[in-house]
Amino acid sequence: MAKVKQLKVTYVKSKIGYNKNQAKVLEALGFTKLNQTKIFPDNEAIRGSLFHVRHLVVVEEI
């Protein structure tokens, strides 16, 4: 069975002062506090969301 790729995403920069749509993307991903880390499956939908907030998060492939 092939191992499913995953993304480790850490919310590192505040959404204050940025577009409100970017804040909604972070909220949709489940981020509420700075330095939170979450694991997501590596798929196009998640990558598209992360593209919009790439300056606020750090992404690692695991």
C-alpha atoms as a PDB file:
ATOM      1  CA  MET A   1       0.000   0.000   0.000  1.00  0.00           C
ATOM      2  CA  ALA A   2       1.414   3.368  -1.034  1.00  0.00           C
ATOM      3  CA  LYS A   3       1.932   5.966   1.669  1.00  0.00           C
ATOM      4  CA  VAL A   4      -0.285   9.018   1.207  1.00  0.00           C
ATOM      5  CA  LYS A   5       1.658  12.271   1.057  1.00  0.00           C
ATOM      6  CA  GLN A   6       0.832  14.841   3.692  1.00  0.00           C
ATOM      7  CA  LEU A   7       1.595  18.488   4.332  1.00  0.00           C
ATOM      8  CA  LYS A   8       2.631  19.879   7.706  1.00  0.00           C
ATOM      9  CA  VAL A   9       1.424  23.487   7.837  1.00  0.00           C
ATOM     10  CA  THR A  10       2.379  25.976  10.564  1.00  0.00           C
ATOM     11  CA  TYR A  11       0.611  29.344  10.921  1.00  0.00           C
ATOM     12  CA  VAL A  12       3.505  31.754  11.612  1.00  0.00           C
ATOM     13  CA  LYS A  13       2.436  35.305  10.682  1.00  0.00           C
ATOM     14  CA  SER A  14      -0.637  37.242  11.815  1.00  0.00           C
ATOM     15  CA  LYS A  15      -3.508  37.826   9.388  1.00  0.00           C
ATOM     16  CA  ILE A  16      -4.038  41.359  10.757  1.00  0.00           C
ATOM     17  CA  GLY A  17      -3.551  43.939   8.019  1.00  0.00           C
ATOM     18  CA  TYR A  18      -4.103  41.484   5.179  1.00  0.00           C
ATOM     19  CA  ASN A  19      -7.095  40.895   2.931  1.00  0.00           C
ATOM     20  CA  LYS A  20     -10.176  39.558   4.761  1.00  0.00           C
ATOM     21  CA  ASN A  21     -10.458  36.720   2.236  1.00  0.00           C
ATOM     22  CA  GLN A  22      -7.069  35.451   3.403  1.00  0.00           C
ATOM     23  CA  ALA A  23      -8.318  35.464   6.997  1.00  0.00           C
ATOM     24  CA  LYS A  24     -11.305  33.381   5.864  1.00  0.00           C
ATOM     25  CA  VAL A  25      -9.000  30.873   4.173  1.00  0.00           C
ATOM     26  CA  LEU A  26      -7.030  30.472   7.415  1.00  0.00           C
ATOM     27  CA  GLU A  27     -10.286  30.026   9.327  1.00  0.00           C
ATOM     28  CA  ALA A  28     -11.482  27.411   6.814  1.00  0.00           C
ATOM     29  CA  LEU A  29      -8.223  25.507   7.292  1.00  0.00           C
ATOM     30  CA  GLY A  30      -8.873  25.509  11.048  1.00  0.00           C
ATOM     31  CA  PHE A  31      -6.172  27.922  12.223  1.00  0.00           C
ATOM     32  CA  THR A  32      -7.105  30.039  15.244  1.00  0.00           C
ATOM     33  CA  LYS A  33      -3.783  30.876  16.929  1.00  0.00           C
ATOM     34  CA  LEU A  34      -0.276  31.711  15.795  1.00  0.00           C
ATOM     35  CA  ASN A  35       2.265  28.875  15.735  1.00  0.00           C
ATOM     36  CA  GLN A  36      -0.460  26.267  15.363  1.00  0.00           C
ATOM     37  CA  THR A  37       0.534  23.239  13.293  1.00  0.00           C
ATOM     38  CA  LYS A  38      -1.851  21.023  11.364  1.00  0.00           C
ATOM     39  CA  ILE A  39      -1.439  18.030   9.066  1.00  0.00           C
ATOM     40  CA  PHE A  40      -3.361  18.023   5.779  1.00  0.00           C
ATOM     41  CA  PRO A  41      -3.524  15.526   2.896  1.00  0.00           C
ATOM     42  CA  ASP A  42      -1.526  16.630  -0.124  1.00  0.00           C
ATOM     43  CA  ASN A  43      -4.180  17.413  -2.723  1.00  0.00           C
ATOM     44  CA  GLU A  44      -5.050  20.201  -5.149  1.00  0.00           C
ATOM     45  CA  ALA A  45      -7.760  21.754  -2.944  1.00  0.00           C
ATOM     46  CA  ILE A  46      -5.450  22.135   0.059  1.00  0.00           C
ATOM     47  CA  ARG A  47      -2.553  23.365  -2.081  1.00  0.00           C
ATOM     48  CA  GLY A  48      -4.838  25.958  -3.691  1.00  0.00           C
ATOM     49  CA  SER A  49      -5.915  27.258  -0.291  1.00  0.00           C
ATOM     50  CA  LEU A  50      -2.329  27.366   0.940  1.00  0.00           C
ATOM     51  CA  PHE A  51      -1.272  29.277  -2.189  1.00  0.00           C
ATOM     52  CA  HIS A  52      -3.504  32.181  -1.137  1.00  0.00           C
ATOM     53  CA  VAL A  53      -1.914  32.408   2.344  1.00  0.00           C
ATOM     54  CA  ARG A  54       1.627  31.278   1.487  1.00  0.00           C
ATOM     55  CA  HIS A  55       3.106  34.433   3.088  1.00  0.00           C
ATOM     56  CA  LEU A  56       1.429  33.611   6.438  1.00  0.00           C
ATOM     57  CA  VAL A  57       2.261  29.908   6.748  1.00  0.00           C
ATOM     58  CA  VAL A  58       5.214  27.521   6.501  1.00  0.00           C
ATOM     59  CA  VAL A  59       4.578  24.299   4.567  1.00  0.00           C
ATOM     60  CA  GLU A  60       6.615  21.086   4.848  1.00  0.00           C
ATOM     61  CA  GLU A  61       6.034  17.846   2.960  1.00  0.00           C
ATOM     62  CA  ILE A  62       6.042  14.755   5.171  1.00  0.00           C
END
